[in-house]
């Protein structure tokens, strides 16, 4: 299905298609990583999560969600670019997208977060 405005394509929940959708999701994220001038990756994960064992996107900017409202101006140089917001599972990133959009940014949630990206 096509992506809804403000969202990257959501992995399908049909059990027979989950693996294919995860691969599609991974390919979409990887394709965007190869074009860093167009998409900014933004972590709202905790510092412990970012430094922990889960894989990381090296080019991602990191501001934990609980600090975002007071630090949102640090992202001002990216106002004209798409920001893909990532957390562990997709819940905090959804809240971060709302904060960013309210402040004039072009932000999209990465549904399922790093958990969806790293699942085999």
Protein backbone atom coordinates (compact mmCIF):
# COMPACT_ATOMS: atom_id res chain seq x y z
CA UNK A 1 0.00 0.00 0.00
CA UNK A 2 1.14 3.57 -0.56
CA UNK A 3 2.61 5.48 2.37
CA UNK A 4 0.26 7.76 4.29
CA UNK A 5 1.32 11.41 4.42
CA UNK A 6 3.83 11.85 7.24
CA UNK A 7 4.72 8.15 7.37
CA UNK A 8 7.13 5.80 5.68
CA UNK A 9 5.50 2.64 4.35
CA UNK A 10 4.30 0.50 7.29
CA UNK A 11 5.28 -3.18 7.29
CA UNK A 12 2.25 -5.37 6.47
CA UNK A 13 0.80 -7.35 9.40
CA UNK A 14 -0.35 -10.36 7.34
CA UNK A 15 1.66 -13.32 8.74
CA UNK A 16 2.33 -14.74 5.28
CA UNK A 17 3.86 -11.47 4.11
CA UNK A 18 5.70 -10.26 7.25
CA UNK A 19 9.14 -11.37 6.14
CA UNK A 20 8.73 -9.87 2.67
CA UNK A 21 7.51 -6.62 4.19
CA UNK A 22 10.44 -6.47 6.60
CA UNK A 23 12.78 -6.93 3.64
CA UNK A 24 10.92 -4.20 1.74
CA UNK A 25 11.14 -1.93 4.80
CA UNK A 26 14.89 -2.64 5.14
CA UNK A 27 15.42 -1.91 1.43
CA UNK A 28 13.51 1.37 1.75
CA UNK A 29 15.59 2.50 4.73
CA UNK A 30 18.81 1.38 3.05
CA UNK A 31 17.88 3.22 -0.15
CA UNK A 32 17.31 6.40 1.81
CA UNK A 33 20.61 5.97 3.66
CA UNK A 34 22.40 5.95 0.33
CA UNK A 35 20.96 9.41 -0.38
CA UNK A 36 21.89 11.23 2.86
CA UNK A 37 21.51 14.65 1.22
CA UNK A 38 17.76 14.07 0.94
CA UNK A 39 16.90 12.36 4.24
CA UNK A 40 18.10 13.06 7.76
CA UNK A 41 17.88 10.14 10.20
CA UNK A 42 16.97 11.24 13.67
CA UNK A 43 17.02 9.04 16.78
CA UNK A 44 14.75 9.82 19.71
CA UNK A 45 15.97 6.70 21.49
CA UNK A 46 17.54 6.95 24.95
CA UNK A 47 21.31 7.27 25.23
CA UNK A 48 21.41 3.77 26.71
CA UNK A 49 19.59 2.39 23.66
CA UNK A 50 21.86 4.18 21.21
CA UNK A 51 25.01 2.93 22.97
CA UNK A 52 23.58 -0.56 23.55
CA UNK A 53 23.77 -3.71 21.43
CA UNK A 54 21.04 -2.89 18.89
CA UNK A 55 22.46 -1.88 15.47
CA UNK A 56 22.77 1.83 14.77
CA UNK A 57 22.60 4.06 11.72
CA UNK A 58 25.93 5.87 11.87
CA UNK A 59 24.63 8.99 10.15
CA UNK A 60 21.69 9.48 12.52
CA UNK A 61 21.38 12.55 14.72
CA UNK A 62 20.48 11.76 18.34
CA UNK A 63 18.28 13.77 20.69
CA UNK A 64 16.25 11.72 23.21
CA UNK A 65 12.49 12.37 23.05
CA UNK A 66 12.36 13.79 26.58
CA UNK A 67 14.84 16.52 25.49
CA UNK A 68 13.37 17.25 22.05
CA UNK A 69 11.04 20.14 22.92
CA UNK A 70 13.86 22.12 24.53
CA UNK A 71 16.42 21.22 21.81
CA UNK A 72 14.30 21.33 18.64
CA UNK A 73 16.10 24.48 17.39
CA UNK A 74 19.31 22.43 17.06
CA UNK A 75 17.70 20.90 13.96
CA UNK A 76 16.95 24.24 12.28
CA UNK A 77 19.55 23.70 9.54
CA UNK A 78 17.49 20.68 8.41
CA UNK A 79 14.11 22.45 8.06
CA UNK A 80 14.17 22.09 4.29
CA UNK A 81 14.95 18.33 4.35
CA UNK A 82 12.93 15.23 5.16
CA UNK A 83 13.60 13.89 8.66
CA UNK A 84 12.98 10.18 9.28
CA UNK A 85 12.41 9.77 13.03
CA UNK A 86 13.45 6.50 14.66
CA UNK A 87 13.09 4.97 18.11
CA UNK A 88 13.13 1.36 19.27
CA UNK A 89 9.57 0.40 18.28
CA UNK A 90 7.93 3.42 16.64
CA UNK A 91 5.95 4.86 19.56
CA UNK A 92 8.29 7.63 20.72
CA UNK A 93 9.14 8.52 17.14
CA UNK A 94 5.43 9.12 16.47
CA UNK A 95 5.36 11.63 19.36
CA UNK A 96 8.58 13.24 18.09
CA UNK A 97 7.09 13.65 14.59
CA UNK A 98 4.22 15.62 16.12
CA UNK A 99 6.67 17.94 17.91
CA UNK A 100 8.76 18.42 14.76
CA UNK A 101 5.76 19.05 12.47
CA UNK A 102 4.35 21.59 14.97
CA UNK A 103 7.71 23.39 14.68
CA UNK A 104 7.69 23.45 10.86
CA UNK A 105 9.81 20.39 10.02
CA UNK A 106 9.11 17.77 7.35
CA UNK A 107 9.21 14.72 9.61
CA UNK A 108 8.13 11.13 9.06
CA UNK A 109 7.81 8.26 11.49
CA UNK A 110 9.72 5.04 10.81
CA UNK A 111 7.02 2.52 11.88
CA UNK A 112 8.33 -0.33 13.98
CA UNK A 113 11.58 1.56 14.63
CA UNK A 114 14.90 -0.24 14.88
CA UNK A 115 13.12 -3.39 16.07
CA UNK A 116 11.41 -3.75 12.67
CA UNK A 117 14.61 -2.88 10.84
CA UNK A 118 16.72 -5.48 12.64
CA UNK A 119 14.23 -8.39 12.77
CA UNK A 120 15.13 -11.32 10.56
